[in-house]
PDB file of N, CA and C in Angstrom:
ATOM      1  N   MET A   1       3.987  -2.207   5.040  1.00  0.00           N
ATOM      2  CA  MET A   1       5.259  -1.567   4.759  1.00  0.00           C
ATOM      3  C   MET A   1       5.529  -1.694   3.254  1.00  0.00           C
ATOM      4  N   THR A   2       5.942  -0.591   2.649  1.00  0.00           N
ATOM      5  CA  THR A   2       6.247  -0.618   1.222  1.00  0.00           C
ATOM      6  C   THR A   2       7.722  -0.940   1.026  1.00  0.00           C
ATOM      7  N   PRO A   3       8.121  -1.288  -0.184  1.00  0.00           N
ATOM      8  CA  PRO A   3       9.538  -1.616  -0.415  1.00  0.00           C
ATOM      9  C   PRO A   3      10.493  -0.448  -0.151  1.00  0.00           C
ATOM     10  N   THR A   4       9.975   0.767  -0.133  1.00  0.00           N
ATOM     11  CA  THR A   4      10.858   1.924   0.085  1.00  0.00           C
ATOM     12  C   THR A   4      10.654   2.575   1.442  1.00  0.00           C
ATOM     13  N   SER A   5       9.976   1.896   2.362  1.00  0.00           N
ATOM     14  CA  SER A   5       9.714   2.514   3.659  1.00  0.00           C
ATOM     15  C   SER A   5      10.765   2.128   4.696  1.00  0.00           C
ATOM     16  N   ILE A   6      10.723   2.840   5.817  1.00  0.00           N
ATOM     17  CA  ILE A   6      11.564   2.509   6.965  1.00  0.00           C
ATOM     18  C   ILE A   6      10.655   2.264   8.166  1.00  0.00           C
ATOM     19  N   HIS A   7      11.102   1.432   9.072  1.00  0.00           N
ATOM     20  CA  HIS A   7      10.344   1.071  10.264  1.00  0.00           C
ATOM     21  C   HIS A   7      10.988   1.771  11.453  1.00  0.00           C
ATOM     22  N   VAL A   8      10.221   2.629  12.130  1.00  0.00           N
ATOM     23  CA  VAL A   8      10.728   3.387  13.268  1.00  0.00           C
ATOM     24  C   VAL A   8      10.082   2.842  14.533  1.00  0.00           C
ATOM     25  N   ILE A   9      10.921   2.509  15.508  1.00  0.00           N
ATOM     26  CA  ILE A   9      10.449   2.005  16.796  1.00  0.00           C
ATOM     27  C   ILE A   9      10.852   3.018  17.865  1.00  0.00           C
ATOM     28  N   ALA A  10       9.879   3.438  18.660  1.00  0.00           N
ATOM     29  CA  ALA A  10      10.143   4.415  19.722  1.00  0.00           C
ATOM     30  C   ALA A  10      10.062   3.720  21.079  1.00  0.00           C
ATOM     31  N   PHE A  11      10.941   4.125  21.980  1.00  0.00           N
ATOM     32  CA  PHE A  11      11.001   3.523  23.311  1.00  0.00           C
ATOM     33  C   PHE A  11      10.762   4.577  24.387  1.00  0.00           C
ATOM     34  N   GLY A  12      10.265   4.116  25.537  1.00  0.00           N
ATOM     35  CA  GLY A  12      10.138   4.949  26.727  1.00  0.00           C
ATOM     36  C   GLY A  12       9.398   6.253  26.499  1.00  0.00           C
ATOM     37  N   MET A  13       9.979   7.336  27.011  1.00  0.00           N
ATOM     38  CA  MET A  13       9.319   8.634  26.947  1.00  0.00           C
ATOM     39  C   MET A  13       9.160   9.135  25.513  1.00  0.00           C
ATOM     40  N   ILE A  14       9.971   8.658  24.586  1.00  0.00           N
ATOM     41  CA  ILE A  14       9.823   9.057  23.181  1.00  0.00           C
ATOM     42  C   ILE A  14       8.493   8.503  22.654  1.00  0.00           C
ATOM     43  N   ALA A  15       8.216   7.244  22.932  1.00  0.00           N
ATOM     44  CA  ALA A  15       6.942   6.636  22.527  1.00  0.00           C
ATOM     45  C   ALA A  15       5.767   7.371  23.168  1.00  0.00           C
ATOM     46  N   GLU A  16       5.930   7.776  24.423  1.00  0.00           N
ATOM     47  CA  GLU A  16       4.858   8.518  25.094  1.00  0.00           C
ATOM     48  C   GLU A  16       4.602   9.856  24.411  1.00  0.00           C
ATOM     49  N   LYS A  17       5.660  10.545  24.018  1.00  0.00           N
ATOM     50  CA  LYS A  17       5.513  11.859  23.396  1.00  0.00           C
ATOM     51  C   LYS A  17       4.887  11.780  22.003  1.00  0.00           C
ATOM     52  N   ILE A  18       5.219  10.740  21.238  1.00  0.00           N
ATOM     53  CA  ILE A  18       4.645  10.634  19.894  1.00  0.00           C
ATOM     54  C   ILE A  18       3.388   9.764  19.877  1.00  0.00           C
ATOM     55  N   LYS A  19       3.017   9.242  21.047  1.00  0.00           N
ATOM     56  CA  LYS A  19       1.787   8.470  21.251  1.00  0.00           C
ATOM     57  C   LYS A  19       1.702   7.193  20.412  1.00  0.00           C
ATOM     58  N   THR A  20       2.843   6.612  20.125  1.00  0.00           N
ATOM     59  CA  THR A  20       2.886   5.313  19.459  1.00  0.00           C
ATOM     60  C   THR A  20       4.268   4.704  19.653  1.00  0.00           C
ATOM     61  N   LYS A  21       4.350   3.386  19.562  1.00  0.00           N
ATOM     62  CA  LYS A  21       5.639   2.705  19.686  1.00  0.00           C
ATOM     63  C   LYS A  21       6.262   2.430  18.330  1.00  0.00           C
ATOM     64  N   GLU A  22       5.453   2.494  17.256  1.00  0.00           N
ATOM     65  CA  GLU A  22       5.978   2.171  15.934  1.00  0.00           C
ATOM     66  C   GLU A  22       5.411   3.104  14.871  1.00  0.00           C
ATOM     67  N   LEU A  23       6.259   3.450  13.921  1.00  0.00           N
ATOM     68  CA  LEU A  23       5.864   4.234  12.756  1.00  0.00           C
ATOM     69  C   LEU A  23       6.426   3.557  11.515  1.00  0.00           C
ATOM     70  N   VAL A  24       5.692   3.607  10.438  1.00  0.00           N
ATOM     71  CA  VAL A  24       6.221   3.201   9.144  1.00  0.00           C
ATOM     72  C   VAL A  24       6.226   4.463   8.299  1.00  0.00           C
ATOM     73  N   LEU A  25       7.423   4.884   7.893  1.00  0.00           N
ATOM     74  CA  LEU A  25       7.577   6.130   7.151  1.00  0.00           C
ATOM     75  C   LEU A  25       8.134   5.859   5.766  1.00  0.00           C
ATOM     76  N   GLU A  26       7.795   6.730   4.843  1.00  0.00           N
ATOM     77  CA  GLU A  26       8.419   6.642   3.530  1.00  0.00           C
ATOM     78  C   GLU A  26       9.913   6.880   3.701  1.00  0.00           C
ATOM     79  N   TYR A  27      10.685   6.395   2.778  1.00  0.00           N
ATOM     80  CA  TYR A  27      12.144   6.444   2.846  1.00  0.00           C
ATOM     81  C   TYR A  27      12.660   7.849   3.152  1.00  0.00           C
ATOM     82  N   MET A  28      13.583   7.925   4.071  1.00  0.00           N
ATOM     83  CA  MET A  28      14.304   9.147   4.406  1.00  0.00           C
ATOM     84  C   MET A  28      15.779   8.819   4.262  1.00  0.00           C
ATOM     85  N   PRO A  29      16.533   9.622   3.512  1.00  0.00           N
ATOM     86  CA  PRO A  29      17.908   9.255   3.173  1.00  0.00           C
ATOM     87  C   PRO A  29      18.893   9.242   4.333  1.00  0.00           C
ATOM     88  N   ASP A  30      18.627  10.055   5.364  1.00  0.00           N
ATOM     89  CA  ASP A  30      19.576  10.106   6.483  1.00  0.00           C
ATOM     90  C   ASP A  30      18.882  10.579   7.751  1.00  0.00           C
ATOM     91  N   THR A  31      19.632  10.537   8.851  1.00  0.00           N
ATOM     92  CA  THR A  31      19.062  10.879  10.150  1.00  0.00           C
ATOM     93  C   THR A  31      18.705  12.365  10.259  1.00  0.00           C
ATOM     94  N   GLU A  32      19.394  13.237   9.542  1.00  0.00           N
ATOM     95  CA  GLU A  32      19.054  14.664   9.578  1.00  0.00           C
ATOM     96  C   GLU A  32      17.668  14.902   8.990  1.00  0.00           C
ATOM     97  N   VAL A  33      17.370  14.259   7.872  1.00  0.00           N
ATOM     98  CA  VAL A  33      16.049  14.388   7.242  1.00  0.00           C
ATOM     99  C   VAL A  33      14.986  13.788   8.164  1.00  0.00           C
ATOM    100  N   LEU A  34      15.288  12.639   8.761  1.00  0.00           N
ATOM    101  CA  LEU A  34      14.354  12.001   9.689  1.00  0.00           C
ATOM    102  C   LEU A  34      14.064  12.920  10.877  1.00  0.00           C
ATOM    103  N   LEU A  35      15.101  13.498  11.460  1.00  0.00           N
ATOM    104  CA  LEU A  35      14.897  14.398  12.600  1.00  0.00           C
ATOM    105  C   LEU A  35      14.048  15.601  12.202  1.00  0.00           C
ATOM    106  N   GLY A  36      14.306  16.165  11.033  1.00  0.00           N
ATOM    107  CA  GLY A  36      13.507  17.286  10.556  1.00  0.00           C
ATOM    108  C   GLY A  36      12.035  16.912  10.474  1.00  0.00           C
ATOM    109  N   TYR A  37      11.761  15.735   9.949  1.00  0.00           N
ATOM    110  CA  TYR A  37      10.389  15.244   9.851  1.00  0.00           C
ATOM    111  C   TYR A  37       9.784  15.062  11.239  1.00  0.00           C
ATOM    112  N   LEU A  38      10.514  14.388  12.124  1.00  0.00           N
ATOM    113  CA  LEU A  38       9.999  14.132  13.468  1.00  0.00           C
ATOM    114  C   LEU A  38       9.733  15.427  14.221  1.00  0.00           C
ATOM    115  N   TYR A  39      10.630  16.406  14.106  1.00  0.00           N
ATOM    116  CA  TYR A  39      10.440  17.684  14.796  1.00  0.00           C
ATOM    117  C   TYR A  39       9.233  18.435  14.235  1.00  0.00           C
ATOM    118  N   GLN A  40       8.990  18.292  12.947  1.00  0.00           N
ATOM    119  CA  GLN A  40       7.830  18.947  12.333  1.00  0.00           C
ATOM    120  C   GLN A  40       6.530  18.280  12.792  1.00  0.00           C
ATOM    121  N   GLN A  41       6.505  16.954  12.789  1.00  0.00           N
ATOM    122  CA  GLN A  41       5.297  16.214  13.169  1.00  0.00           C
ATOM    123  C   GLN A  41       5.061  16.187  14.679  1.00  0.00           C
ATOM    124  N   TYR A  42       6.141  16.191  15.447  1.00  0.00           N
ATOM    125  CA  TYR A  42       6.060  16.077  16.907  1.00  0.00           C
ATOM    126  C   TYR A  42       6.957  17.150  17.535  1.00  0.00           C
ATOM    127  N   PRO A  43       6.491  18.409  17.556  1.00  0.00           N
ATOM    128  CA  PRO A  43       7.331  19.522  18.022  1.00  0.00           C
ATOM    129  C   PRO A  43       7.902  19.334  19.430  1.00  0.00           C
ATOM    130  N   GLU A  44       7.205  18.578  20.282  1.00  0.00           N
ATOM    131  CA  GLU A  44       7.705  18.368  21.645  1.00  0.00           C
ATOM    132  C   GLU A  44       9.033  17.612  21.672  1.00  0.00           C
ATOM    133  N   LEU A  45       9.372  16.918  20.593  1.00  0.00           N
ATOM    134  CA  LEU A  45      10.652  16.204  20.541  1.00  0.00           C
ATOM    135  C   LEU A  45      11.844  17.158  20.420  1.00  0.00           C
ATOM    136  N   GLN A  46      11.606  18.387  19.973  1.00  0.00           N
ATOM    137  CA  GLN A  46      12.708  19.340  19.801  1.00  0.00           C
ATOM    138  C   GLN A  46      13.420  19.631  21.107  1.00  0.00           C
ATOM    139  N   HIS A  47      12.726  19.468  22.228  1.00  0.00           N
ATOM    140  CA  HIS A  47      13.310  19.763  23.540  1.00  0.00           C
ATOM    141  C   HIS A  47      13.577  18.486  24.334  1.00  0.00           C
ATOM    142  N   THR A  48      13.693  17.373  23.608  1.00  0.00           N
ATOM    143  CA  THR A  48      13.899  16.073  24.249  1.00  0.00           C
ATOM    144  C   THR A  48      15.196  15.457  23.740  1.00  0.00           C
ATOM    145  N   LYS A  49      16.034  15.027  24.667  1.00  0.00           N
ATOM    146  CA  LYS A  49      17.263  14.339  24.255  1.00  0.00           C
ATOM    147  C   LYS A  49      16.940  12.878  23.969  1.00  0.00           C
ATOM    148  N   PHE A  50      17.417  12.391  22.827  1.00  0.00           N
ATOM    149  CA  PHE A  50      17.262  10.973  22.517  1.00  0.00           C
ATOM    150  C   PHE A  50      18.289  10.573  21.471  1.00  0.00           C
ATOM    151  N   GLY A  51      18.586   9.298  21.450  1.00  0.00           N
ATOM    152  CA  GLY A  51      19.524   8.761  20.483  1.00  0.00           C
ATOM    153  C   GLY A  51      18.781   8.064  19.355  1.00  0.00           C
ATOM    154  N   ILE A  52      19.500   7.844  18.267  1.00  0.00           N
ATOM    155  CA  ILE A  52      18.938   7.142  17.121  1.00  0.00           C
ATOM    156  C   ILE A  52      19.860   5.973  16.786  1.00  0.00           C
ATOM    157  N   ALA A  53      19.279   4.807  16.599  1.00  0.00           N
ATOM    158  CA  ALA A  53      20.039   3.640  16.140  1.00  0.00           C
ATOM    159  C   ALA A  53      19.456   3.224  14.791  1.00  0.00           C
ATOM    160  N   VAL A  54      20.332   2.948  13.841  1.00  0.00           N
ATOM    161  CA  VAL A  54      19.928   2.484  12.514  1.00  0.00           C
ATOM    162  C   VAL A  54      20.404   1.049  12.373  1.00  0.00           C
ATOM    163  N   ASN A  55      19.458   0.144  12.205  1.00  0.00           N
ATOM    164  CA  ASN A  55      19.772  -1.285  12.125  1.00  0.00           C
ATOM    165  C   ASN A  55      20.655  -1.734  13.287  1.00  0.00           C
ATOM    166  N   LYS A  56      20.266  -1.313  14.486  1.00  0.00           N
ATOM    167  CA  LYS A  56      20.889  -1.701  15.764  1.00  0.00           C
ATOM    168  C   LYS A  56      22.292  -1.131  15.991  1.00  0.00           C
ATOM    169  N   LYS A  57      22.669  -0.108  15.207  1.00  0.00           N
ATOM    170  CA  LYS A  57      23.949   0.575  15.427  1.00  0.00           C
ATOM    171  C   LYS A  57      23.661   2.034  15.724  1.00  0.00           C
ATOM    172  N   MET A  58      24.246   2.545  16.804  1.00  0.00           N
ATOM    173  CA  MET A  58      24.001   3.935  17.181  1.00  0.00           C
ATOM    174  C   MET A  58      24.474   4.878  16.070  1.00  0.00           C
ATOM    175  N   ALA A  59      23.616   5.818  15.739  1.00  0.00           N
ATOM    176  CA  ALA A  59      23.938   6.818  14.722  1.00  0.00           C
ATOM    177  C   ALA A  59      24.678   7.972  15.386  1.00  0.00           C
ATOM    178  N   VAL A  60      25.705   8.453  14.720  1.00  0.00           N
ATOM    179  CA  VAL A  60      26.463   9.604  15.197  1.00  0.00           C
ATOM    180  C   VAL A  60      26.448  10.641  14.091  1.00  0.00           C
ATOM    181  N   GLY A  61      25.885  11.810  14.391  1.00  0.00           N
ATOM    182  CA  GLY A  61      25.797  12.845  13.364  1.00  0.00           C
ATOM    183  C   GLY A  61      24.852  12.417  12.248  1.00  0.00           C
ATOM    184  N   LYS A  62      25.137  12.894  11.044  1.00  0.00           N
ATOM    185  CA  LYS A  62      24.317  12.567   9.885  1.00  0.00           C
ATOM    186  C   LYS A  62      24.674  11.152   9.423  1.00  0.00           C
ATOM    187  N   THR A  63      23.725  10.234   9.548  1.00  0.00           N
ATOM    188  CA  THR A  63      23.945   8.831   9.217  1.00  0.00           C
ATOM    189  C   THR A  63      22.975   8.405   8.123  1.00  0.00           C
ATOM    190  N   VAL A  64      23.473   7.701   7.122  1.00  0.00           N
ATOM    191  CA  VAL A  64      22.637   7.199   6.028  1.00  0.00           C
ATOM    192  C   VAL A  64      21.660   6.157   6.574  1.00  0.00           C
ATOM    193  N   ILE A  65      20.414   6.226   6.103  1.00  0.00           N
ATOM    194  CA  ILE A  65      19.396   5.239   6.463  1.00  0.00           C
ATOM    195  C   ILE A  65      19.109   4.407   5.213  1.00  0.00           C
ATOM    196  N   PRO A  66      19.475   3.131   5.207  1.00  0.00           N
ATOM    197  CA  PRO A  66      19.197   2.291   4.039  1.00  0.00           C
ATOM    198  C   PRO A  66      17.695   2.046   3.874  1.00  0.00           C
ATOM    199  N   ILE A  67      17.266   1.802   2.657  1.00  0.00           N
ATOM    200  CA  ILE A  67      15.873   1.446   2.404  1.00  0.00           C
ATOM    201  C   ILE A  67      15.545   0.191   3.200  1.00  0.00           C
ATOM    202  N   GLY A  68      14.387   0.183   3.844  1.00  0.00           N
ATOM    203  CA  GLY A  68      13.954  -0.966   4.629  1.00  0.00           C
ATOM    204  C   GLY A  68      14.566  -1.047   6.012  1.00  0.00           C
ATOM    205  N   ALA A  69      15.286  -0.011   6.421  1.00  0.00           N
ATOM    206  CA  ALA A  69      15.980  -0.039   7.713  1.00  0.00           C
ATOM    207  C   ALA A  69      15.010  -0.030   8.885  1.00  0.00           C
ATOM    208  N   GLU A  70      15.521  -0.533  10.001  1.00  0.00           N
ATOM    209  CA  GLU A  70      14.831  -0.395  11.276  1.00  0.00           C
ATOM    210  C   GLU A  70      15.552   0.708  12.043  1.00  0.00           C
ATOM    211  N   VAL A  71      14.796   1.715  12.424  1.00  0.00           N
ATOM    212  CA  VAL A  71      15.364   2.867  13.127  1.00  0.00           C
ATOM    213  C   VAL A  71      14.745   2.908  14.517  1.00  0.00           C
ATOM    214  N   ALA A  72      15.584   2.996  15.546  1.00  0.00           N
ATOM    215  CA  ALA A  72      15.096   3.061  16.927  1.00  0.00           C
ATOM    216  C   ALA A  72      15.340   4.455  17.479  1.00  0.00           C
ATOM    217  N   LEU A  73      14.331   4.986  18.167  1.00  0.00           N
ATOM    218  CA  LEU A  73      14.435   6.259  18.879  1.00  0.00           C
ATOM    219  C   LEU A  73      14.584   5.913  20.346  1.00  0.00           C
ATOM    220  N   LEU A  74      15.746   6.224  20.896  1.00  0.00           N
ATOM    221  CA  LEU A  74      16.100   5.751  22.241  1.00  0.00           C
ATOM    222  C   LEU A  74      16.240   6.892  23.224  1.00  0.00           C
ATOM    223  N   PRO A  75      15.452   6.867  24.303  1.00  0.00           N
ATOM    224  CA  PRO A  75      15.605   7.901  25.325  1.00  0.00           C
ATOM    225  C   PRO A  75      16.937   7.725  26.050  1.00  0.00           C
ATOM    226  N   PRO A  76      17.385   8.779  26.750  1.00  0.00           N
ATOM    227  CA  PRO A  76      18.626   8.620  27.532  1.00  0.00           C
ATOM    228  C   PRO A  76      18.443   7.491  28.555  1.00  0.00           C
ATOM    229  N   PHE A  77      19.493   6.751  28.764  1.00  0.00           N
ATOM    230  CA  PHE A  77      19.402   5.681  29.750  1.00  0.00           C
ATOM    231  C   PHE A  77      20.596   5.770  30.677  1.00  0.00           C
ATOM    232  N   SER A  78      20.386   5.257  31.873  1.00  0.00           N
ATOM    233  CA  SER A  78      21.476   5.239  32.850  1.00  0.00           C
ATOM    234  C   SER A  78      21.622   3.821  33.362  1.00  0.00           C
ATOM    235  N   GLY A  79      22.714   3.571  33.954  1.00  0.00           N
ATOM    236  CA  GLY A  79      22.941   2.237  34.488  1.00  0.00           C
ATOM    237  C   GLY A  79      24.342   2.120  35.004  1.00  0.00           C
ATOM    238  N   GLY A  80      24.651   0.977  35.507  1.00  0.00           N
ATOM    239  CA  GLY A  80      25.962   0.839  36.081  1.00  0.00           C
ATOM    240  C   GLY A  80      26.640  -0.417  35.703  1.00  0.00           C
TER     241      GLY A  80
END
């Protein structure tokens, strides 16, 4: 990991679709840029619902990603 990279962790069906549980990506300033990258690299994600958490906080809309952040790609979950 470089000083300007981000660590992306994928869970469940998201990990299955991108065929890995972890990615190390060069810095992306926000979740919109990250999604654009992910959709370009993994087109099947465009039709998949999933949430994004940045440093263990759920992202809502366009969220800033700090340098060195841990970003989680979370499939929909249910429970009671």
